[in-house]
């Protein structure tokens, strides 16, 4: 049945990059396009570039017959009206009617979904979660988001914003998160937070090879940690501790078959996955500790676009 679905245009809005592609019913991306977000420009210039990426994707894919547009973006948002309400990773983007704008731009129905919720659906349908009944997904990137499939069904919550797993509290009274609370997982495990904590440690005068770098990133910290740099290792160890603690709580609460980790920070591979999986195996309650697998995304960098497409395919098959 999936292979019989018409192609859809999928658009993904991240804090650092925009992505677009035409996705067919088998979950394959055609005409893949990527560009920096440049979020400081504000919503209208960014969305104009996003829609231009969509047109380029359609042209490169040779599929002008897209049946719908799926859009994934971090919330809060209103999936019913297609309005971005106030996403923390896009400061100043208040009540942006992106769904209506996309429908006008492309002349087909559109649907807006929380990016991590959409990614969870994409992973469940086409990626690492195929065949599972209960699966959790965390995206670890500019921020930390999450989504869940419970009993084979995507969980959205009462208003469509359920699954904010990045705002689980791992350290009460700890670092301030973008949401305003203290001690959220996102404040420790996001790529932004990893780089910030390393910069703060350098500002305290702690010696590190990282001091020779200009624009410090989470990937720099990961590589330096693997090379044995003490400062980088302390930051990285705190990162994997926070993720392990949060996922342990999620495993205890949901007893999933699988927890999938995606997003840019997961490019660290085993350096991230192994200590997190070990913490869950050690600390989660049995039998969940034995049955829950922790794996990296099966869809890689395309997960946001494929997730947006999965939501768009659901839109046209249920209306």
C-alpha atoms as a PDB file:
ATOM      1  CA  UNK A   1       0.000   0.000   0.000  1.00  0.00           C
ATOM      2  CA  UNK A   2       2.774   2.455   0.919  1.00  0.00           C
ATOM      3  CA  UNK A   3       4.321   2.182  -2.533  1.00  0.00           C
ATOM      4  CA  UNK A   4       0.986   3.238  -4.084  1.00  0.00           C
ATOM      5  CA  UNK A   5       0.920   6.553  -2.229  1.00  0.00           C
ATOM      6  CA  UNK A   6       1.438   9.658  -4.401  1.00  0.00           C
ATOM      7  CA  UNK A   7       4.565  11.792  -3.986  1.00  0.00           C
ATOM      8  CA  UNK A   8       4.449  14.613  -1.461  1.00  0.00           C
ATOM      9  CA  UNK A   9       6.659  17.617  -0.793  1.00  0.00           C
ATOM     10  CA  UNK A  10       8.296  17.542   2.635  1.00  0.00           C
ATOM     11  CA  UNK A  11       9.811  20.612   4.329  1.00  0.00           C
ATOM     12  CA  UNK A  12      11.842  20.535   7.539  1.00  0.00           C
ATOM     13  CA  UNK A  13      12.655  23.678   9.556  1.00  0.00           C
ATOM     14  CA  UNK A  14      15.528  23.328  11.994  1.00  0.00           C
ATOM     15  CA  UNK A  15      17.356  25.852  14.116  1.00  0.00           C
ATOM     16  CA  UNK A  16      20.431  25.672  11.888  1.00  0.00           C
ATOM     17  CA  UNK A  17      19.259  24.221   8.568  1.00  0.00           C
ATOM     18  CA  UNK A  18      16.296  23.975   6.231  1.00  0.00           C
ATOM     19  CA  UNK A  19      15.690  20.838   4.194  1.00  0.00           C
ATOM     20  CA  UNK A  20      13.267  19.885   1.452  1.00  0.00           C
ATOM     21  CA  UNK A  21      12.575  16.889  -0.747  1.00  0.00           C
ATOM     22  CA  UNK A  22       9.902  15.053  -2.681  1.00  0.00           C
ATOM     23  CA  UNK A  23       9.125  11.761  -0.945  1.00  0.00           C
ATOM     24  CA  UNK A  24       7.461   8.825  -2.643  1.00  0.00           C
ATOM     25  CA  UNK A  25       5.360   6.121  -0.999  1.00  0.00           C
ATOM     26  CA  UNK A  26       8.378   3.904  -0.376  1.00  0.00           C
ATOM     27  CA  UNK A  27       9.953   6.569   1.858  1.00  0.00           C
ATOM     28  CA  UNK A  28      12.637   7.581  -0.636  1.00  0.00           C
ATOM     29  CA  UNK A  29      13.695  11.241  -0.952  1.00  0.00           C
ATOM     30  CA  UNK A  30      14.042  12.779  -4.411  1.00  0.00           C
ATOM     31  CA  UNK A  31      15.438  16.227  -5.227  1.00  0.00           C
ATOM     32  CA  UNK A  32      17.023  16.655  -1.771  1.00  0.00           C
ATOM     33  CA  UNK A  33      17.787  20.310  -0.902  1.00  0.00           C
ATOM     34  CA  UNK A  34      19.502  21.798   2.166  1.00  0.00           C
ATOM     35  CA  UNK A  35      20.275  25.396   3.166  1.00  0.00           C
ATOM     36  CA  UNK A  36      21.225  27.263   6.373  1.00  0.00           C
ATOM     37  CA  UNK A  37      18.193  28.545   8.281  1.00  0.00           C
ATOM     38  CA  UNK A  38      19.564  32.010   9.095  1.00  0.00           C
ATOM     39  CA  UNK A  39      16.747  32.299  11.614  1.00  0.00           C
ATOM     40  CA  UNK A  40      17.768  35.804  12.673  1.00  0.00           C
ATOM     41  CA  UNK A  41      16.316  37.100   9.374  1.00  0.00           C
ATOM     42  CA  UNK A  42      12.814  36.398  10.675  1.00  0.00           C
ATOM     43  CA  UNK A  43      10.009  34.160   9.436  1.00  0.00           C
ATOM     44  CA  UNK A  44       9.037  35.645   6.095  1.00  0.00           C
ATOM     45  CA  UNK A  45      12.514  35.733   4.479  1.00  0.00           C
ATOM     46  CA  UNK A  46      13.313  32.273   5.850  1.00  0.00           C
ATOM     47  CA  UNK A  47      10.024  30.801   4.651  1.00  0.00           C
ATOM     48  CA  UNK A  48      10.483  32.394   1.238  1.00  0.00           C
ATOM     49  CA  UNK A  49      13.803  30.542   0.953  1.00  0.00           C
ATOM     50  CA  UNK A  50      12.223  27.337   2.313  1.00  0.00           C
ATOM     51  CA  UNK A  51       9.471  27.432  -0.307  1.00  0.00           C
ATOM     52  CA  UNK A  52      12.091  28.122  -2.961  1.00  0.00           C
ATOM     53  CA  UNK A  53      13.934  24.990  -1.794  1.00  0.00           C
ATOM     54  CA  UNK A  54      10.652  23.121  -2.161  1.00  0.00           C
ATOM     55  CA  UNK A  55      10.254  24.314  -5.742  1.00  0.00           C
ATOM     56  CA  UNK A  56      13.826  23.284  -6.518  1.00  0.00           C
ATOM     57  CA  UNK A  57      13.184  19.855  -4.995  1.00  0.00           C
ATOM     58  CA  UNK A  58      10.073  19.406  -7.139  1.00  0.00           C
ATOM     59  CA  UNK A  59      11.954  20.474 -10.270  1.00  0.00           C
ATOM     60  CA  UNK A  60      14.978  18.272  -9.578  1.00  0.00           C
ATOM     61  CA  UNK A  61      12.789  15.280  -8.715  1.00  0.00           C
ATOM     62  CA  UNK A  62      10.745  15.800 -11.865  1.00  0.00           C
ATOM     63  CA  UNK A  63       7.546  15.346  -9.861  1.00  0.00           C
ATOM     64  CA  UNK A  64       5.271  18.376 -10.270  1.00  0.00           C
ATOM     65  CA  UNK A  65       2.342  16.160  -9.221  1.00  0.00           C
ATOM     66  CA  UNK A  66       2.909  16.348  -5.443  1.00  0.00           C
ATOM     67  CA  UNK A  67      -0.363  15.704  -3.626  1.00  0.00           C
ATOM     68  CA  UNK A  68       0.348  17.582  -0.386  1.00  0.00           C
ATOM     69  CA  UNK A  69       2.985  19.451   1.619  1.00  0.00           C
ATOM     70  CA  UNK A  70       4.185  18.170   4.972  1.00  0.00           C
ATOM     71  CA  UNK A  71       6.068  20.570   7.249  1.00  0.00           C
ATOM     72  CA  UNK A  72       8.020  19.602  10.351  1.00  0.00           C
ATOM     73  CA  UNK A  73       9.221  22.151  12.894  1.00  0.00           C
ATOM     74  CA  UNK A  74       9.853  22.332  16.610  1.00  0.00           C
ATOM     75  CA  UNK A  75       6.911  23.533  18.689  1.00  0.00           C
ATOM     76  CA  UNK A  76       4.903  24.836  20.355  1.00  0.00           C
ATOM     77  CA  UNK A  77       2.610  24.815  17.352  1.00  0.00           C
ATOM     78  CA  UNK A  78      -1.022  24.221  16.466  1.00  0.00           C
ATOM     79  CA  UNK A  79      -1.301  21.238  14.152  1.00  0.00           C
ATOM     80  CA  UNK A  80      -5.013  21.881  13.550  1.00  0.00           C
ATOM     81  CA  UNK A  81      -4.549  25.404  12.184  1.00  0.00           C
ATOM     82  CA  UNK A  82      -0.993  25.008  10.888  1.00  0.00           C
ATOM     83  CA  UNK A  83       0.332  27.860  13.024  1.00  0.00           C
ATOM     84  CA  UNK A  84       3.801  28.037  14.562  1.00  0.00           C
ATOM     85  CA  UNK A  85       3.097  29.593  17.947  1.00  0.00           C
ATOM     86  CA  UNK A  86       6.418  30.379  19.655  1.00  0.00           C
ATOM     87  CA  UNK A  87       9.194  27.830  18.992  1.00  0.00           C
ATOM     88  CA  UNK A  88      12.186  28.557  21.288  1.00  0.00           C
ATOM     89  CA  UNK A  89      14.686  27.602  18.577  1.00  0.00           C
ATOM     90  CA  UNK A  90      13.212  30.299  16.306  1.00  0.00           C
ATOM     91  CA  UNK A  91      13.142  33.460  18.471  1.00  0.00           C
ATOM     92  CA  UNK A  92      10.592  36.003  17.310  1.00  0.00           C
ATOM     93  CA  UNK A  93       8.555  33.521  15.271  1.00  0.00           C
ATOM     94  CA  UNK A  94       5.194  34.209  16.903  1.00  0.00           C
ATOM     95  CA  UNK A  95       1.918  32.871  15.471  1.00  0.00           C
ATOM     96  CA  UNK A  96       3.275  32.253  11.966  1.00  0.00           C
ATOM     97  CA  UNK A  97       0.545  30.697   9.725  1.00  0.00           C
ATOM     98  CA  UNK A  98       2.978  28.483   7.863  1.00  0.00           C
ATOM     99  CA  UNK A  99       0.379  25.882   6.920  1.00  0.00           C
ATOM    100  CA  UNK A 100      -1.770  28.359   5.025  1.00  0.00           C
ATOM    101  CA  UNK A 101       1.308  29.964   3.472  1.00  0.00           C
ATOM    102  CA  UNK A 102       2.557  26.607   2.165  1.00  0.00           C
ATOM    103  CA  UNK A 103      -0.873  25.665   0.809  1.00  0.00           C
ATOM    104  CA  UNK A 104      -0.995  28.942  -1.145  1.00  0.00           C
ATOM    105  CA  UNK A 105       2.593  28.588  -2.360  1.00  0.00           C
ATOM    106  CA  UNK A 106       2.142  25.078  -3.764  1.00  0.00           C
ATOM    107  CA  UNK A 107      -1.603  24.847  -4.448  1.00  0.00           C
ATOM    108  CA  UNK A 108      -2.114  21.600  -2.491  1.00  0.00           C
ATOM    109  CA  UNK A 109      -3.199  20.744   1.075  1.00  0.00           C
ATOM    110  CA  UNK A 110      -0.594  21.171   3.788  1.00  0.00           C
ATOM    111  CA  UNK A 111      -0.029  19.842   7.272  1.00  0.00           C
ATOM    112  CA  UNK A 112       2.253  21.063  10.068  1.00  0.00           C
ATOM    113  CA  UNK A 113       3.657  18.678  12.671  1.00  0.00           C
ATOM    114  CA  UNK A 114       6.128  18.873  15.536  1.00  0.00           C
ATOM    115  CA  UNK A 115       9.471  17.871  14.055  1.00  0.00           C
ATOM    116  CA  UNK A 116      10.332  15.148  16.554  1.00  0.00           C
ATOM    117  CA  UNK A 117       6.786  13.744  16.441  1.00  0.00           C
ATOM    118  CA  UNK A 118       7.005  13.582  12.658  1.00  0.00           C
ATOM    119  CA  UNK A 119      10.466  12.007  12.866  1.00  0.00           C
ATOM    120  CA  UNK A 120       9.109   9.364  15.239  1.00  0.00           C
ATOM    121  CA  UNK A 121       6.448   8.483  12.674  1.00  0.00           C
ATOM    122  CA  UNK A 122       9.060   8.366   9.914  1.00  0.00           C
ATOM    123  CA  UNK A 123      11.352   6.082  11.903  1.00  0.00           C
ATOM    124  CA  UNK A 124       8.438   3.814  12.799  1.00  0.00           C
ATOM    125  CA  UNK A 125       7.201   3.571   9.238  1.00  0.00           C
ATOM    126  CA  UNK A 126      10.465   3.496   7.266  1.00  0.00           C
ATOM    127  CA  UNK A 127      13.442   3.366   9.625  1.00  0.00           C
ATOM    128  CA  UNK A 128      14.793   1.660  12.724  1.00  0.00           C
ATOM    129  CA  UNK A 129      11.339   1.264  14.276  1.00  0.00           C
ATOM    130  CA  UNK A 130       9.673  -0.745  11.518  1.00  0.00           C
ATOM    131  CA  UNK A 131       7.710  -3.613  13.027  1.00  0.00           C
ATOM    132  CA  UNK A 132       7.740  -2.282  16.596  1.00  0.00           C
ATOM    133  CA  UNK A 133       4.615  -1.584  18.607  1.00  0.00           C
ATOM    134  CA  UNK A 134       6.025   0.828  21.215  1.00  0.00           C
ATOM    135  CA  UNK A 135       8.917   3.056  20.163  1.00  0.00           C
ATOM    136  CA  UNK A 136      10.356   6.297  21.508  1.00  0.00           C
ATOM    137  CA  UNK A 137      12.381   8.765  19.452  1.00  0.00           C
ATOM    138  CA  UNK A 138      14.696  11.542  20.631  1.00  0.00           C
ATOM    139  CA  UNK A 139      16.290  14.049  18.306  1.00  0.00           C
ATOM    140  CA  UNK A 140      19.484  15.536  19.736  1.00  0.00           C
ATOM    141  CA  UNK A 141      20.427  18.564  17.710  1.00  0.00           C
ATOM    142  CA  UNK A 142      20.183  22.351  18.230  1.00  0.00           C
ATOM    143  CA  UNK A 143      17.662  21.379  20.888  1.00  0.00           C
ATOM    144  CA  UNK A 144      16.351  18.050  22.145  1.00  0.00           C
ATOM    145  CA  UNK A 145      12.924  16.886  21.004  1.00  0.00           C
ATOM    146  CA  UNK A 146      10.995  13.671  21.186  1.00  0.00           C
ATOM    147  CA  UNK A 147       8.150  11.640  19.846  1.00  0.00           C
ATOM    148  CA  UNK A 148       6.518   8.338  20.642  1.00  0.00           C
ATOM    149  CA  UNK A 149       4.559   5.552  19.025  1.00  0.00           C
ATOM    150  CA  UNK A 150       2.434   3.731  21.595  1.00  0.00           C
ATOM    151  CA  UNK A 151       0.662   0.531  20.653  1.00  0.00           C
ATOM    152  CA  UNK A 152       1.408   1.196  16.992  1.00  0.00           C
ATOM    153  CA  UNK A 153      -0.161   4.676  17.040  1.00  0.00           C
ATOM    154  CA  UNK A 154       1.584   8.035  16.984  1.00  0.00           C
ATOM    155  CA  UNK A 155       1.084   9.924  20.241  1.00  0.00           C
ATOM    156  CA  UNK A 156       0.391  13.622  19.770  1.00  0.00           C
ATOM    157  CA  UNK A 157      -1.160  14.727  23.059  1.00  0.00           C
ATOM    158  CA  UNK A 158      -4.336  16.712  23.694  1.00  0.00           C
ATOM    159  CA  UNK A 159      -3.243  19.777  21.700  1.00  0.00           C
ATOM    160  CA  UNK A 160      -0.702  18.150  19.399  1.00  0.00           C
ATOM    161  CA  UNK A 161       2.422  19.073  21.360  1.00  0.00           C
ATOM    162  CA  UNK A 162       2.912  15.914  23.401  1.00  0.00           C
ATOM    163  CA  UNK A 163       6.348  14.349  23.480  1.00  0.00           C
ATOM    164  CA  UNK A 164       8.539  17.235  24.655  1.00  0.00           C
ATOM    165  CA  UNK A 165      11.083  14.736  25.935  1.00  0.00           C
ATOM    166  CA  UNK A 166      13.872  17.308  25.862  1.00  0.00           C
ATOM    167  CA  UNK A 167      12.199  19.057  28.764  1.00  0.00           C
ATOM    168  CA  UNK A 168      12.383  16.183  31.186  1.00  0.00           C
ATOM    169  CA  UNK A 169      14.223  17.460  34.251  1.00  0.00           C
ATOM    170  CA  UNK A 170      17.536  15.698  34.846  1.00  0.00           C
ATOM    171  CA  UNK A 171      19.074  18.105  37.361  1.00  0.00           C
ATOM    172  CA  UNK A 172      16.666  20.184  39.499  1.00  0.00           C
ATOM    173  CA  UNK A 173      17.966  23.724  39.881  1.00  0.00           C
ATOM    174  CA  UNK A 174      20.549  23.143  37.149  1.00  0.00           C
ATOM    175  CA  UNK A 175      21.307  24.972  33.923  1.00  0.00           C
ATOM    176  CA  UNK A 176      18.668  27.247  32.452  1.00  0.00           C
ATOM    177  CA  UNK A 177      16.904  25.740  29.467  1.00  0.00           C
ATOM    178  CA  UNK A 178      15.520  27.596  26.437  1.00  0.00           C
ATOM    179  CA  UNK A 179      12.033  26.875  27.836  1.00  0.00           C
ATOM    180  CA  UNK A 180      12.851  28.892  30.977  1.00  0.00           C
ATOM    181  CA  UNK A 181      13.089  26.026  33.453  1.00  0.00           C
ATOM    182  CA  UNK A 182      16.232  24.907  35.231  1.00  0.00           C
ATOM    183  CA  UNK A 183      17.765  21.487  34.700  1.00  0.00           C
ATOM    184  CA  UNK A 184      16.060  20.167  31.536  1.00  0.00           C
ATOM    185  CA  UNK A 185      17.701  17.475  29.440  1.00  0.00           C
ATOM    186  CA  UNK A 186      18.017  19.955  26.570  1.00  0.00           C
ATOM    187  CA  UNK A 187      20.183  22.207  28.740  1.00  0.00           C
ATOM    188  CA  UNK A 188      22.772  19.418  28.977  1.00  0.00           C
ATOM    189  CA  UNK A 189      22.497  17.187  25.909  1.00  0.00           C
ATOM    190  CA  UNK A 190      21.668  19.464  22.964  1.00  0.00           C
ATOM    191  CA  UNK A 191      24.438  20.405  20.571  1.00  0.00           C
ATOM    192  CA  UNK A 192      24.009  24.010  21.673  1.00  0.00           C
ATOM    193  CA  UNK A 193      24.415  23.110  25.350  1.00  0.00           C
ATOM    194  CA  UNK A 194      27.437  20.869  24.746  1.00  0.00           C
ATOM    195  CA  UNK A 195      29.297  23.698  23.003  1.00  0.00           C
ATOM    196  CA  UNK A 196      28.190  26.251  25.625  1.00  0.00           C
ATOM    197  CA  UNK A 197      29.420  24.132  28.521  1.00  0.00           C
ATOM    198  CA  UNK A 198      32.780  23.644  26.829  1.00  0.00           C
ATOM    199  CA  UNK A 199      33.125  27.395  26.235  1.00  0.00           C
ATOM    200  CA  UNK A 200      32.251  28.107  29.861  1.00  0.00           C
ATOM    201  CA  UNK A 201      34.910  25.656  31.049  1.00  0.00           C
ATOM    202  CA  UNK A 202      37.488  27.301  28.788  1.00  0.00           C
ATOM    203  CA  UNK A 203      36.515  30.728  30.158  1.00  0.00           C
ATOM    204  CA  UNK A 204      37.304  29.422  33.633  1.00  0.00           C
ATOM    205  CA  UNK A 205      40.854  28.855  32.466  1.00  0.00           C
ATOM    206  CA  UNK A 206      40.775  25.079  32.244  1.00  0.00           C
ATOM    207  CA  UNK A 207      43.431  23.819  29.797  1.00  0.00           C
ATOM    208  CA  UNK A 208      42.214  22.095  26.654  1.00  0.00           C
ATOM    209  CA  UNK A 209      43.086  21.596  23.014  1.00  0.00           C
ATOM    210  CA  UNK A 210      39.677  23.135  22.326  1.00  0.00           C
ATOM    211  CA  UNK A 211      41.086  26.571  23.191  1.00  0.00           C
ATOM    212  CA  UNK A 212      42.790  26.656  19.779  1.00  0.00           C
ATOM    213  CA  UNK A 213      39.449  26.450  17.954  1.00  0.00           C
ATOM    214  CA  UNK A 214      37.385  29.416  16.915  1.00  0.00           C
ATOM    215  CA  UNK A 215      33.712  28.524  16.512  1.00  0.00           C
ATOM    216  CA  UNK A 216      33.362  25.610  18.921  1.00  0.00           C
ATOM    217  CA  UNK A 217      30.775  22.908  18.148  1.00  0.00           C
ATOM    218  CA  UNK A 218      29.457  19.793  19.840  1.00  0.00           C
ATOM    219  CA  UNK A 219      31.277  17.742  17.214  1.00  0.00           C
ATOM    220  CA  UNK A 220      34.559  19.393  18.247  1.00  0.00           C
ATOM    221  CA  UNK A 221      33.879  18.426  21.858  1.00  0.00           C
ATOM    222  CA  UNK A 222      33.058  14.845  20.879  1.00  0.00           C
ATOM    223  CA  UNK A 223      36.243  14.442  18.868  1.00  0.00           C
ATOM    224  CA  UNK A 224      38.401  15.989  21.576  1.00  0.00           C
ATOM    225  CA  UNK A 225      36.814  13.709  24.163  1.00  0.00           C
ATOM    226  CA  UNK A 226      37.671  10.672  22.063  1.00  0.00           C
ATOM    227  CA  UNK A 227      41.255  11.946  21.819  1.00  0.00           C
ATOM    228  CA  UNK A 228      41.436  12.052  25.621  1.00  0.00           C
ATOM    229  CA  UNK A 229      41.152  15.800  26.248  1.00  0.00           C
ATOM    230  CA  UNK A 230      40.185  16.093  29.966  1.00  0.00           C
ATOM    231  CA  UNK A 231      37.913  19.127  29.594  1.00  0.00           C
ATOM    232  CA  UNK A 232      36.108  17.663  26.590  1.00  0.00           C
ATOM    233  CA  UNK A 233      35.744  14.300  28.320  1.00  0.00           C
ATOM    234  CA  UNK A 234      34.133  15.910  31.367  1.00  0.00           C
ATOM    235  CA  UNK A 235      31.614  17.762  29.156  1.00  0.00           C
ATOM    236  CA  UNK A 236      30.908  14.646  27.085  1.00  0.00           C
ATOM    237  CA  UNK A 237      30.532  12.434  30.154  1.00  0.00           C
ATOM    238  CA  UNK A 238      27.973  14.852  31.601  1.00  0.00           C
ATOM    239  CA  UNK A 239      26.127  14.774  28.275  1.00  0.00           C
ATOM    240  CA  UNK A 240      25.875  10.989  28.146  1.00  0.00           C
ATOM    241  CA  UNK A 241      24.974  10.895  31.848  1.00  0.00           C
ATOM    242  CA  UNK A 242      22.042  13.278  31.249  1.00  0.00           C
ATOM    243  CA  UNK A 243      20.810  11.305  28.258  1.00  0.00           C
ATOM    244  CA  UNK A 244      21.179   8.010  30.076  1.00  0.00           C
ATOM    245  CA  UNK A 245      19.252   9.315  33.092  1.00  0.00           C
ATOM    246  CA  UNK A 246      16.397  10.699  30.979  1.00  0.00           C
ATOM    247  CA  UNK A 247      16.090   7.605  28.794  1.00  0.00           C
ATOM    248  CA  UNK A 248      16.150   5.367  31.872  1.00  0.00           C
ATOM    249  CA  UNK A 249      13.109   7.246  33.198  1.00  0.00           C
ATOM    250  CA  UNK A 250      11.376   6.944  29.816  1.00  0.00           C
ATOM    251  CA  UNK A 251      12.081   3.213  29.641  1.00  0.00           C
ATOM    252  CA  UNK A 252      10.682   2.794  33.149  1.00  0.00           C
ATOM    253  CA  UNK A 253       7.553   4.764  32.214  1.00  0.00           C
ATOM    254  CA  UNK A 254       6.791   3.288  28.777  1.00  0.00           C
ATOM    255  CA  UNK A 255       8.659  -0.045  28.588  1.00  0.00           C
ATOM    256  CA  UNK A 256       9.326   0.448  24.856  1.00  0.00           C
ATOM    257  CA  UNK A 257      10.767  -2.145  22.561  1.00  0.00           C
ATOM    258  CA  UNK A 258      13.070   0.475  21.080  1.00  0.00           C
ATOM    259  CA  UNK A 259      14.448   3.937  21.768  1.00  0.00           C
ATOM    260  CA  UNK A 260      15.816   5.636  18.643  1.00  0.00           C
ATOM    261  CA  UNK A 261      18.317   8.501  18.837  1.00  0.00           C
ATOM    262  CA  UNK A 262      18.618  10.924  15.913  1.00  0.00           C
ATOM    263  CA  UNK A 263      19.868  14.424  15.201  1.00  0.00           C
ATOM    264  CA  UNK A 264      23.255  15.976  14.543  1.00  0.00           C
ATOM    265  CA  UNK A 265      24.838  15.086  17.879  1.00  0.00           C
ATOM    266  CA  UNK A 266      24.346  11.387  17.121  1.00  0.00           C
ATOM    267  CA  UNK A 267      26.988  11.645  14.408  1.00  0.00           C
ATOM    268  CA  UNK A 268      29.289  10.796  17.315  1.00  0.00           C
ATOM    269  CA  UNK A 269      27.998   7.236  16.912  1.00  0.00           C
ATOM    270  CA  UNK A 270      29.256   4.769  19.501  1.00  0.00           C
ATOM    271  CA  UNK A 271      30.819   7.568  21.575  1.00  0.00           C
ATOM    272  CA  UNK A 272      27.255   8.640  22.370  1.00  0.00           C
ATOM    273  CA  UNK A 273      25.307   5.415  22.020  1.00  0.00           C
ATOM    274  CA  UNK A 274      27.466   3.028  24.056  1.00  0.00           C
ATOM    275  CA  UNK A 275      27.556   4.910  27.396  1.00  0.00           C
ATOM    276  CA  UNK A 276      23.873   5.832  27.120  1.00  0.00           C
ATOM    277  CA  UNK A 277      22.826   2.236  26.395  1.00  0.00           C
ATOM    278  CA  UNK A 278      25.029   0.998  29.237  1.00  0.00           C
ATOM    279  CA  UNK A 279      23.406   3.455  31.675  1.00  0.00           C
ATOM    280  CA  UNK A 280      19.914   2.335  30.682  1.00  0.00           C
ATOM    281  CA  UNK A 281      20.830  -1.358  30.961  1.00  0.00           C
ATOM    282  CA  UNK A 282      22.306  -0.705  34.397  1.00  0.00           C
ATOM    283  CA  UNK A 283      19.686   1.622  35.879  1.00  0.00           C
ATOM    284  CA  UNK A 284      16.305   0.846  34.305  1.00  0.00           C
ATOM    285  CA  UNK A 285      13.882  -1.425  36.107  1.00  0.00           C
ATOM    286  CA  UNK A 286      13.705  -5.047  34.966  1.00  0.00           C
ATOM    287  CA  UNK A 287      12.416  -6.424  32.687  1.00  0.00           C
ATOM    288  CA  UNK A 288      12.415  -3.174  30.669  1.00  0.00           C
ATOM    289  CA  UNK A 289      16.165  -2.847  31.135  1.00  0.00           C
ATOM    290  CA  UNK A 290      16.639  -6.145  29.310  1.00  0.00           C
ATOM    291  CA  UNK A 291      14.092  -5.695  26.544  1.00  0.00           C
ATOM    292  CA  UNK A 292      14.479  -2.033  25.501  1.00  0.00           C
ATOM    293  CA  UNK A 293      16.970  -1.553  22.680  1.00  0.00           C
ATOM    294  CA  UNK A 294      18.744   1.783  22.176  1.00  0.00           C
ATOM    295  CA  UNK A 295      19.676   2.419  18.539  1.00  0.00           C
ATOM    296  CA  UNK A 296      20.674   5.255  16.236  1.00  0.00           C
ATOM    297  CA  UNK A 297      18.274   6.539  13.588  1.00  0.00           C
ATOM    298  CA  UNK A 298      17.868   4.358  10.540  1.00  0.00           C
ATOM    299  CA  UNK A 299      17.013   7.396   8.407  1.00  0.00           C
ATOM    300  CA  UNK A 300      19.971   9.609   9.301  1.00  0.00           C
ATOM    301  CA  UNK A 301      19.918  13.215   8.116  1.00  0.00           C
ATOM    302  CA  UNK A 302      16.749  12.596   6.104  1.00  0.00           C
ATOM    303  CA  UNK A 303      14.585  11.774   9.105  1.00  0.00           C
ATOM    304  CA  UNK A 304      12.974  15.226   9.352  1.00  0.00           C
ATOM    305  CA  UNK A 305      11.964  15.271   5.690  1.00  0.00           C
ATOM    306  CA  UNK A 306      10.775  11.656   5.691  1.00  0.00           C
ATOM    307  CA  UNK A 307       8.814  12.299   8.882  1.00  0.00           C
ATOM    308  CA  UNK A 308       7.123  15.354   7.359  1.00  0.00           C
ATOM    309  CA  UNK A 309       6.267  13.239   4.323  1.00  0.00           C
ATOM    310  CA  UNK A 310       4.765  10.483   6.475  1.00  0.00           C
ATOM    311  CA  UNK A 311       2.460  13.064   8.081  1.00  0.00           C
ATOM    312  CA  UNK A 312       1.522  14.417   4.647  1.00  0.00           C
ATOM    313  CA  UNK A 313       0.751  10.900   3.400  1.00  0.00           C
ATOM    314  CA  UNK A 314      -1.497  10.389   6.416  1.00  0.00           C
ATOM    315  CA  UNK A 315      -3.255  13.650   5.599  1.00  0.00           C
ATOM    316  CA  UNK A 316      -4.199  12.598   2.082  1.00  0.00           C
ATOM    317  CA  UNK A 317      -5.221   9.059   3.052  1.00  0.00           C
ATOM    318  CA  UNK A 318      -7.542  10.174   5.862  1.00  0.00           C
ATOM    319  CA  UNK A 319      -9.277  13.102   4.142  1.00  0.00           C
END
